[in-house]
Amino acid sequence: PQPPTWFVSHWWGEPVVAFIQCLRQHSADRHCPRDAGYWVCAYANNQWDLDNELSDTPDDSSFRRAMRLAVGTISVVDTEAVCYTRVWCVFEV
């Protein structure tokens, strides 16, 4: 697996197009190399084996492990800032 350079925090209510535009803008603003790894839970967690991906303690979760490896966290903020009403998104920030 590719190690995460950036951990992406978001909620699944934003349009996918806006999500991608945000990450493209981030990459351009930061002059990221083409192989910079963006860790997105739905794509990084094994959706068929979530029991092994998630744990009872958030600090032991795959989310936290990825955050420890990443250079930083990106918050994809929608026009209503709904992401900050989500417990996981607040934990990730």
PDB file of N, CA and C in Angstrom:
ATOM      1  N   PRO A   1       0.822  -1.208   0.000  1.00  0.00           N
ATOM      2  CA  PRO A   1       0.000   0.000   0.000  1.00  0.00           C
ATOM      3  C   PRO A   1       0.863   1.267   0.000  1.00  0.00           C
ATOM      4  N   GLN A   2       0.303   2.298  -0.589  1.00  0.00           N
ATOM      5  CA  GLN A   2       0.992   3.589  -0.631  1.00  0.00           C
ATOM      6  C   GLN A   2       0.811   4.310   0.703  1.00  0.00           C
ATOM      7  N   PRO A   3       1.901   4.785   1.321  1.00  0.00           N
ATOM      8  CA  PRO A   3       1.735   5.527   2.574  1.00  0.00           C
ATOM      9  C   PRO A   3       1.022   6.853   2.329  1.00  0.00           C
ATOM     10  N   PRO A   4       0.223   7.300   3.291  1.00  0.00           N
ATOM     11  CA  PRO A   4      -0.496   8.564   3.107  1.00  0.00           C
ATOM     12  C   PRO A   4       0.412   9.769   3.295  1.00  0.00           C
ATOM     13  N   THR A   5       0.368  10.680   2.357  1.00  0.00           N
ATOM     14  CA  THR A   5       1.037  11.962   2.532  1.00  0.00           C
ATOM     15  C   THR A   5       0.063  12.917   3.208  1.00  0.00           C
ATOM     16  N   TRP A   6      -1.198  12.855   2.765  1.00  0.00           N
ATOM     17  CA  TRP A   6      -2.239  13.729   3.296  1.00  0.00           C
ATOM     18  C   TRP A   6      -3.424  12.889   3.730  1.00  0.00           C
ATOM     19  N   PHE A   7      -3.943  13.176   4.922  1.00  0.00           N
ATOM     20  CA  PHE A   7      -5.158  12.543   5.420  1.00  0.00           C
ATOM     21  C   PHE A   7      -6.319  13.448   5.045  1.00  0.00           C
ATOM     22  N   VAL A   8      -7.343  12.899   4.411  1.00  0.00           N
ATOM     23  CA  VAL A   8      -8.478  13.697   3.940  1.00  0.00           C
ATOM     24  C   VAL A   8      -9.676  13.486   4.859  1.00  0.00           C
ATOM     25  N   SER A   9     -10.119  14.555   5.491  1.00  0.00           N
ATOM     26  CA  SER A   9     -11.287  14.535   6.358  1.00  0.00           C
ATOM     27  C   SER A   9     -12.454  15.173   5.603  1.00  0.00           C
ATOM     28  N   HIS A  10     -13.587  14.479   5.596  1.00  0.00           N
ATOM     29  CA  HIS A  10     -14.761  14.993   4.882  1.00  0.00           C
ATOM     30  C   HIS A  10     -15.979  14.206   5.320  1.00  0.00           C
ATOM     31  N   TRP A  11     -17.130  14.641   4.876  1.00  0.00           N
ATOM     32  CA  TRP A  11     -18.337  13.841   5.074  1.00  0.00           C
ATOM     33  C   TRP A  11     -18.866  13.503   3.692  1.00  0.00           C
ATOM     34  N   TRP A  12     -19.674  12.483   3.594  1.00  0.00           N
ATOM     35  CA  TRP A  12     -20.090  11.991   2.277  1.00  0.00           C
ATOM     36  C   TRP A  12     -21.261  12.756   1.686  1.00  0.00           C
ATOM     37  N   GLY A  13     -21.578  13.932   2.201  1.00  0.00           N
ATOM     38  CA  GLY A  13     -22.678  14.711   1.658  1.00  0.00           C
ATOM     39  C   GLY A  13     -22.281  15.707   0.590  1.00  0.00           C
ATOM     40  N   GLU A  14     -20.975  15.968   0.472  1.00  0.00           N
ATOM     41  CA  GLU A  14     -20.557  16.935  -0.541  1.00  0.00           C
ATOM     42  C   GLU A  14     -20.539  16.261  -1.911  1.00  0.00           C
ATOM     43  N   PRO A  15     -20.793  17.014  -2.963  1.00  0.00           N
ATOM     44  CA  PRO A  15     -20.724  16.416  -4.303  1.00  0.00           C
ATOM     45  C   PRO A  15     -19.309  15.906  -4.586  1.00  0.00           C
ATOM     46  N   VAL A  16     -19.211  14.768  -5.235  1.00  0.00           N
ATOM     47  CA  VAL A  16     -17.904  14.181  -5.554  1.00  0.00           C
ATOM     48  C   VAL A  16     -17.058  15.158  -6.363  1.00  0.00           C
ATOM     49  N   VAL A  17     -17.691  15.885  -7.266  1.00  0.00           N
ATOM     50  CA  VAL A  17     -16.962  16.857  -8.084  1.00  0.00           C
ATOM     51  C   VAL A  17     -16.310  17.914  -7.188  1.00  0.00           C
ATOM     52  N   ALA A  18     -17.023  18.413  -6.189  1.00  0.00           N
ATOM     53  CA  ALA A  18     -16.461  19.412  -5.275  1.00  0.00           C
ATOM     54  C   ALA A  18     -15.320  18.811  -4.454  1.00  0.00           C
ATOM     55  N   PHE A  19     -15.472  17.561  -4.048  1.00  0.00           N
ATOM     56  CA  PHE A  19     -14.438  16.844  -3.303  1.00  0.00           C
ATOM     57  C   PHE A  19     -13.152  16.764  -4.126  1.00  0.00           C
ATOM     58  N   ILE A  20     -13.270  16.355  -5.364  1.00  0.00           N
ATOM     59  CA  ILE A  20     -12.108  16.232  -6.247  1.00  0.00           C
ATOM     60  C   ILE A  20     -11.492  17.601  -6.527  1.00  0.00           C
ATOM     61  N   GLN A  21     -12.338  18.604  -6.755  1.00  0.00           N
ATOM     62  CA  GLN A  21     -11.826  19.957  -7.003  1.00  0.00           C
ATOM     63  C   GLN A  21     -11.021  20.461  -5.804  1.00  0.00           C
ATOM     64  N   CYS A  22     -11.483  20.175  -4.607  1.00  0.00           N
ATOM     65  CA  CYS A  22     -10.780  20.596  -3.402  1.00  0.00           C
ATOM     66  C   CYS A  22      -9.393  19.955  -3.340  1.00  0.00           C
ATOM     67  N   LEU A  23      -9.315  18.654  -3.607  1.00  0.00           N
ATOM     68  CA  LEU A  23      -8.024  17.973  -3.546  1.00  0.00           C
ATOM     69  C   LEU A  23      -7.095  18.426  -4.667  1.00  0.00           C
ATOM     70  N   ARG A  24      -7.644  18.691  -5.839  1.00  0.00           N
ATOM     71  CA  ARG A  24      -6.813  19.219  -6.933  1.00  0.00           C
ATOM     72  C   ARG A  24      -6.255  20.597  -6.580  1.00  0.00           C
ATOM     73  N   GLN A  25      -7.087  21.430  -5.980  1.00  0.00           N
ATOM     74  CA  GLN A  25      -6.631  22.760  -5.575  1.00  0.00           C
ATOM     75  C   GLN A  25      -5.561  22.652  -4.501  1.00  0.00           C
ATOM     76  N   HIS A  26      -5.780  21.772  -3.549  1.00  0.00           N
ATOM     77  CA  HIS A  26      -4.779  21.554  -2.500  1.00  0.00           C
ATOM     78  C   HIS A  26      -3.446  21.128  -3.111  1.00  0.00           C
ATOM     79  N   SER A  27      -3.492  20.189  -4.022  1.00  0.00           N
ATOM     80  CA  SER A  27      -2.282  19.694  -4.676  1.00  0.00           C
ATOM     81  C   SER A  27      -1.554  20.818  -5.421  1.00  0.00           C
ATOM     82  N   ALA A  28      -2.311  21.652  -6.115  1.00  0.00           N
ATOM     83  CA  ALA A  28      -1.710  22.777  -6.845  1.00  0.00           C
ATOM     84  C   ALA A  28      -1.127  23.811  -5.885  1.00  0.00           C
ATOM     85  N   ASP A  29      -1.878  24.147  -4.836  1.00  0.00           N
ATOM     86  CA  ASP A  29      -1.418  25.146  -3.879  1.00  0.00           C
ATOM     87  C   ASP A  29      -0.145  24.706  -3.159  1.00  0.00           C
ATOM     88  N   ARG A  30      -0.042  23.410  -2.880  1.00  0.00           N
ATOM     89  CA  ARG A  30       1.097  22.867  -2.137  1.00  0.00           C
ATOM     90  C   ARG A  30       2.217  22.359  -3.043  1.00  0.00           C
ATOM     91  N   HIS A  31       1.999  22.451  -4.357  1.00  0.00           N
ATOM     92  CA  HIS A  31       2.983  21.947  -5.326  1.00  0.00           C
ATOM     93  C   HIS A  31       3.340  20.487  -5.027  1.00  0.00           C
ATOM     94  N   CYS A  32       2.298  19.691  -4.796  1.00  0.00           N
ATOM     95  CA  CYS A  32       2.497  18.286  -4.458  1.00  0.00           C
ATOM     96  C   CYS A  32       2.955  17.496  -5.684  1.00  0.00           C
ATOM     97  N   PRO A  33       3.823  16.511  -5.474  1.00  0.00           N
ATOM     98  CA  PRO A  33       4.198  15.649  -6.595  1.00  0.00           C
ATOM     99  C   PRO A  33       3.000  14.798  -7.020  1.00  0.00           C
ATOM    100  N   ARG A  34       3.041  14.321  -8.234  1.00  0.00           N
ATOM    101  CA  ARG A  34       1.912  13.541  -8.767  1.00  0.00           C
ATOM    102  C   ARG A  34       1.642  12.281  -7.963  1.00  0.00           C
ATOM    103  N   ASP A  35       2.655  11.763  -7.264  1.00  0.00           N
ATOM    104  CA  ASP A  35       2.458  10.524  -6.518  1.00  0.00           C
ATOM    105  C   ASP A  35       2.145  10.752  -5.039  1.00  0.00           C
ATOM    106  N   ALA A  36       1.793  11.997  -4.668  1.00  0.00           N
ATOM    107  CA  ALA A  36       1.407  12.266  -3.276  1.00  0.00           C
ATOM    108  C   ALA A  36       0.188  11.423  -2.927  1.00  0.00           C
ATOM    109  N   GLY A  37       0.244  10.758  -1.785  1.00  0.00           N
ATOM    110  CA  GLY A  37      -0.856   9.885  -1.373  1.00  0.00           C
ATOM    111  C   GLY A  37      -1.900  10.625  -0.557  1.00  0.00           C
ATOM    112  N   TYR A  38      -3.138  10.570  -1.010  1.00  0.00           N
ATOM    113  CA  TYR A  38      -4.267  11.149  -0.284  1.00  0.00           C
ATOM    114  C   TYR A  38      -5.065  10.001   0.323  1.00  0.00           C
ATOM    115  N   TRP A  39      -5.144   9.941   1.657  1.00  0.00           N
ATOM    116  CA  TRP A  39      -5.824   8.854   2.356  1.00  0.00           C
ATOM    117  C   TRP A  39      -7.278   9.228   2.550  1.00  0.00           C
ATOM    118  N   VAL A  40      -8.160   8.484   1.919  1.00  0.00           N
ATOM    119  CA  VAL A  40      -9.612   8.705   2.010  1.00  0.00           C
ATOM    120  C   VAL A  40     -10.215   7.398   2.522  1.00  0.00           C
ATOM    121  N   CYS A  41     -10.935   7.470   3.635  1.00  0.00           N
ATOM    122  CA  CYS A  41     -11.391   6.261   4.320  1.00  0.00           C
ATOM    123  C   CYS A  41     -12.106   5.260   3.420  1.00  0.00           C
ATOM    124  N   ALA A  42     -13.040   5.712   2.631  1.00  0.00           N
ATOM    125  CA  ALA A  42     -13.830   4.788   1.815  1.00  0.00           C
ATOM    126  C   ALA A  42     -12.981   4.058   0.789  1.00  0.00           C
ATOM    127  N   TYR A  43     -11.868   4.647   0.415  1.00  0.00           N
ATOM    128  CA  TYR A  43     -10.990   4.027  -0.572  1.00  0.00           C
ATOM    129  C   TYR A  43      -9.830   3.291   0.092  1.00  0.00           C
ATOM    130  N   ALA A  44      -9.504   3.653   1.328  1.00  0.00           N
ATOM    131  CA  ALA A  44      -8.362   3.051   2.014  1.00  0.00           C
ATOM    132  C   ALA A  44      -8.764   1.903   2.933  1.00  0.00           C
ATOM    133  N   ASN A  45      -9.937   1.980   3.532  1.00  0.00           N
ATOM    134  CA  ASN A  45     -10.410   0.892   4.390  1.00  0.00           C
ATOM    135  C   ASN A  45     -10.972  -0.234   3.542  1.00  0.00           C
ATOM    136  N   ASN A  46     -10.717  -1.453   3.958  1.00  0.00           N
ATOM    137  CA  ASN A  46     -11.304  -2.609   3.302  1.00  0.00           C
ATOM    138  C   ASN A  46     -12.781  -2.654   3.689  1.00  0.00           C
ATOM    139  N   GLN A  47     -13.642  -2.234   2.795  1.00  0.00           N
ATOM    140  CA  GLN A  47     -15.075  -2.139   3.082  1.00  0.00           C
ATOM    141  C   GLN A  47     -15.725  -3.500   3.326  1.00  0.00           C
ATOM    142  N   TRP A  48     -15.048  -4.569   2.950  1.00  0.00           N
ATOM    143  CA  TRP A  48     -15.575  -5.925   3.150  1.00  0.00           C
ATOM    144  C   TRP A  48     -15.078  -6.540   4.453  1.00  0.00           C
ATOM    145  N   ASP A  49     -14.200  -5.827   5.173  1.00  0.00           N
ATOM    146  CA  ASP A  49     -13.638  -6.334   6.422  1.00  0.00           C
ATOM    147  C   ASP A  49     -13.478  -5.189   7.419  1.00  0.00           C
ATOM    148  N   LEU A  50     -14.546  -4.429   7.610  1.00  0.00           N
ATOM    149  CA  LEU A  50     -14.467  -3.246   8.466  1.00  0.00           C
ATOM    150  C   LEU A  50     -14.195  -3.577   9.927  1.00  0.00           C
ATOM    151  N   ASP A  51     -14.523  -4.792  10.361  1.00  0.00           N
ATOM    152  CA  ASP A  51     -14.222  -5.165  11.749  1.00  0.00           C
ATOM    153  C   ASP A  51     -12.732  -5.075  12.032  1.00  0.00           C
ATOM    154  N   ASN A  52     -11.903  -5.367  11.043  1.00  0.00           N
ATOM    155  CA  ASN A  52     -10.458  -5.262  11.221  1.00  0.00           C
ATOM    156  C   ASN A  52      -9.933  -3.864  10.940  1.00  0.00           C
ATOM    157  N   GLU A  53     -10.731  -3.026  10.336  1.00  0.00           N
ATOM    158  CA  GLU A  53     -10.322  -1.657  10.022  1.00  0.00           C
ATOM    159  C   GLU A  53     -10.647  -0.695  11.162  1.00  0.00           C
ATOM    160  N   LEU A  54     -11.736  -0.960  11.844  1.00  0.00           N
ATOM    161  CA  LEU A  54     -12.201  -0.082  12.914  1.00  0.00           C
ATOM    162  C   LEU A  54     -12.005  -0.775  14.252  1.00  0.00           C
ATOM    163  N   SER A  55     -11.989  -0.015  15.315  1.00  0.00           N
ATOM    164  CA  SER A  55     -11.811  -0.595  16.636  1.00  0.00           C
ATOM    165  C   SER A  55     -12.723   0.107  17.627  1.00  0.00           C
ATOM    166  N   ASP A  56     -12.724  -0.394  18.849  1.00  0.00           N
ATOM    167  CA  ASP A  56     -13.541   0.215  19.899  1.00  0.00           C
ATOM    168  C   ASP A  56     -12.979   1.563  20.346  1.00  0.00           C
ATOM    169  N   THR A  57     -11.695   1.743  20.157  1.00  0.00           N
ATOM    170  CA  THR A  57     -11.018   2.960  20.576  1.00  0.00           C
ATOM    171  C   THR A  57     -10.587   3.753  19.342  1.00  0.00           C
ATOM    172  N   PRO A  58     -11.039   4.979  19.191  1.00  0.00           N
ATOM    173  CA  PRO A  58     -10.661   5.765  18.014  1.00  0.00           C
ATOM    174  C   PRO A  58      -9.148   5.868  17.808  1.00  0.00           C
ATOM    175  N   ASP A  59      -8.375   5.899  18.889  1.00  0.00           N
ATOM    176  CA  ASP A  59      -6.923   6.010  18.744  1.00  0.00           C
ATOM    177  C   ASP A  59      -6.282   4.776  18.119  1.00  0.00           C
ATOM    178  N   ASP A  60      -7.016   3.658  18.078  1.00  0.00           N
ATOM    179  CA  ASP A  60      -6.504   2.429  17.466  1.00  0.00           C
ATOM    180  C   ASP A  60      -7.069   2.205  16.067  1.00  0.00           C
ATOM    181  N   SER A  61      -7.848   3.128  15.571  1.00  0.00           N
ATOM    182  CA  SER A  61      -8.520   2.957  14.284  1.00  0.00           C
ATOM    183  C   SER A  61      -7.563   3.174  13.113  1.00  0.00           C
ATOM    184  N   SER A  62      -7.971   2.680  11.962  1.00  0.00           N
ATOM    185  CA  SER A  62      -7.185   2.910  10.748  1.00  0.00           C
ATOM    186  C   SER A  62      -7.096   4.403  10.445  1.00  0.00           C
ATOM    187  N   PHE A  63      -8.116   5.157  10.830  1.00  0.00           N
ATOM    188  CA  PHE A  63      -8.108   6.607  10.641  1.00  0.00           C
ATOM    189  C   PHE A  63      -6.914   7.213  11.384  1.00  0.00           C
ATOM    190  N   ARG A  64      -6.797   6.865  12.654  1.00  0.00           N
ATOM    191  CA  ARG A  64      -5.729   7.434  13.482  1.00  0.00           C
ATOM    192  C   ARG A  64      -4.353   6.973  13.008  1.00  0.00           C
ATOM    193  N   ARG A  65      -4.248   5.713  12.610  1.00  0.00           N
ATOM    194  CA  ARG A  65      -2.964   5.215  12.102  1.00  0.00           C
ATOM    195  C   ARG A  65      -2.540   6.010  10.866  1.00  0.00           C
ATOM    196  N   ALA A  66      -3.480   6.274   9.972  1.00  0.00           N
ATOM    197  CA  ALA A  66      -3.174   7.055   8.772  1.00  0.00           C
ATOM    198  C   ALA A  66      -2.802   8.489   9.136  1.00  0.00           C
ATOM    199  N   MET A  67      -3.485   9.063  10.122  1.00  0.00           N
ATOM    200  CA  MET A  67      -3.181  10.431  10.547  1.00  0.00           C
ATOM    201  C   MET A  67      -1.764  10.525  11.104  1.00  0.00           C
ATOM    202  N   ARG A  68      -1.317   9.494  11.812  1.00  0.00           N
ATOM    203  CA  ARG A  68       0.037   9.499  12.374  1.00  0.00           C
ATOM    204  C   ARG A  68       1.098   9.470  11.268  1.00  0.00           C
ATOM    205  N   LEU A  69       0.800   8.807  10.163  1.00  0.00           N
ATOM    206  CA  LEU A  69       1.751   8.680   9.058  1.00  0.00           C
ATOM    207  C   LEU A  69       1.770   9.895   8.133  1.00  0.00           C
ATOM    208  N   ALA A  70       0.655  10.604   8.069  1.00  0.00           N
ATOM    209  CA  ALA A  70       0.495  11.692   7.103  1.00  0.00           C
ATOM    210  C   ALA A  70       1.243  12.954   7.522  1.00  0.00           C
ATOM    211  N   VAL A  71       1.593  13.754   6.521  1.00  0.00           N
ATOM    212  CA  VAL A  71       2.216  15.057   6.744  1.00  0.00           C
ATOM    213  C   VAL A  71       1.202  16.010   7.376  1.00  0.00           C
ATOM    214  N   GLY A  72      -0.043  15.914   6.952  1.00  0.00           N
ATOM    215  CA  GLY A  72      -1.079  16.805   7.458  1.00  0.00           C
ATOM    216  C   GLY A  72      -2.460  16.312   7.097  1.00  0.00           C
ATOM    217  N   THR A  73      -3.450  17.049   7.554  1.00  0.00           N
ATOM    218  CA  THR A  73      -4.859  16.722   7.318  1.00  0.00           C
ATOM    219  C   THR A  73      -5.492  17.804   6.453  1.00  0.00           C
ATOM    220  N   ILE A  74      -6.299  17.367   5.502  1.00  0.00           N
ATOM    221  CA  ILE A  74      -7.070  18.271   4.654  1.00  0.00           C
ATOM    222  C   ILE A  74      -8.532  18.144   5.066  1.00  0.00           C
ATOM    223  N   SER A  75      -9.183  19.239   5.344  1.00  0.00           N
ATOM    224  CA  SER A  75     -10.616  19.223   5.606  1.00  0.00           C
ATOM    225  C   SER A  75     -11.335  19.711   4.358  1.00  0.00           C
ATOM    226  N   VAL A  76     -12.155  18.849   3.799  1.00  0.00           N
ATOM    227  CA  VAL A  76     -12.985  19.238   2.660  1.00  0.00           C
ATOM    228  C   VAL A  76     -14.254  19.841   3.269  1.00  0.00           C
ATOM    229  N   VAL A  77     -14.365  21.153   3.176  1.00  0.00           N
ATOM    230  CA  VAL A  77     -15.472  21.863   3.820  1.00  0.00           C
ATOM    231  C   VAL A  77     -16.504  22.234   2.767  1.00  0.00           C
ATOM    232  N   ASP A  78     -17.727  21.801   3.008  1.00  0.00           N
ATOM    233  CA  ASP A  78     -18.822  22.139   2.099  1.00  0.00           C
ATOM    234  C   ASP A  78     -19.355  23.529   2.438  1.00  0.00           C
ATOM    235  N   THR A  79     -20.268  24.019   1.633  1.00  0.00           N
ATOM    236  CA  THR A  79     -20.775  25.382   1.813  1.00  0.00           C
ATOM    237  C   THR A  79     -21.496  25.587   3.143  1.00  0.00           C
ATOM    238  N   GLU A  80     -22.007  24.520   3.744  1.00  0.00           N
ATOM    239  CA  GLU A  80     -22.711  24.618   5.024  1.00  0.00           C
ATOM    240  C   GLU A  80     -21.829  24.199   6.204  1.00  0.00           C
ATOM    241  N   ALA A  81     -20.602  23.780   5.945  1.00  0.00           N
ATOM    242  CA  ALA A  81     -19.666  23.296   6.977  1.00  0.00           C
ATOM    243  C   ALA A  81     -20.248  22.149   7.787  1.00  0.00           C
ATOM    244  N   VAL A  82     -21.006  21.303   7.122  1.00  0.00           N
ATOM    245  CA  VAL A  82     -21.621  20.150   7.786  1.00  0.00           C
ATOM    246  C   VAL A  82     -20.561  19.216   8.359  1.00  0.00           C
ATOM    247  N   CYS A  83     -19.406  19.160   7.725  1.00  0.00           N
ATOM    248  CA  CYS A  83     -18.354  18.259   8.205  1.00  0.00           C
ATOM    249  C   CYS A  83     -18.044  18.489   9.684  1.00  0.00           C
ATOM    250  N   TYR A  84     -18.144  19.717  10.147  1.00  0.00           N
ATOM    251  CA  TYR A  84     -17.815  20.004  11.542  1.00  0.00           C
ATOM    252  C   TYR A  84     -18.944  19.665  12.515  1.00  0.00           C
ATOM    253  N   THR A  85     -20.039  19.132  12.008  1.00  0.00           N
ATOM    254  CA  THR A  85     -21.099  18.618  12.883  1.00  0.00           C
ATOM    255  C   THR A  85     -20.997  17.100  13.009  1.00  0.00           C
ATOM    256  N   ARG A  86     -20.060  16.497  12.314  1.00  0.00           N
ATOM    257  CA  ARG A  86     -19.865  15.044  12.313  1.00  0.00           C
ATOM    258  C   ARG A  86     -18.763  14.679  13.307  1.00  0.00           C
ATOM    259  N   VAL A  87     -19.031  13.741  14.195  1.00  0.00           N
ATOM    260  CA  VAL A  87     -18.075  13.365  15.230  1.00  0.00           C
ATOM    261  C   VAL A  87     -16.738  12.930  14.638  1.00  0.00           C
ATOM    262  N   TRP A  88     -16.765  12.092  13.612  1.00  0.00           N
ATOM    263  CA  TRP A  88     -15.505  11.603  13.043  1.00  0.00           C
ATOM    264  C   TRP A  88     -14.713  12.740  12.418  1.00  0.00           C
ATOM    265  N   CYS A  89     -15.383  13.663  11.769  1.00  0.00           N
ATOM    266  CA  CYS A  89     -14.674  14.780  11.143  1.00  0.00           C
ATOM    267  C   CYS A  89     -14.024  15.674  12.199  1.00  0.00           C
ATOM    268  N   VAL A  90     -14.694  15.875  13.299  1.00  0.00           N
ATOM    269  CA  VAL A  90     -14.125  16.681  14.389  1.00  0.00           C
ATOM    270  C   VAL A  90     -12.923  15.940  14.981  1.00  0.00           C
ATOM    271  N   PHE A  91     -13.030  14.634  15.170  1.00  0.00           N
ATOM    272  CA  PHE A  91     -11.910  13.830  15.678  1.00  0.00           C
ATOM    273  C   PHE A  91     -10.708  13.937  14.742  1.00  0.00           C
ATOM    274  N   GLU A  92     -10.954  13.916  13.454  1.00  0.00           N
ATOM    275  CA  GLU A  92      -9.872  13.937  12.481  1.00  0.00           C
ATOM    276  C   GLU A  92      -9.149  15.275  12.420  1.00  0.00           C
ATOM    277  N   VAL A  93      -9.833  16.338  12.783  1.00  0.00           N
ATOM    278  CA  VAL A  93      -9.209  17.659  12.774  1.00  0.00           C
ATOM    279  C   VAL A  93      -8.404  17.809  14.034  1.00  0.00           C
TER     280      VAL A  93
END
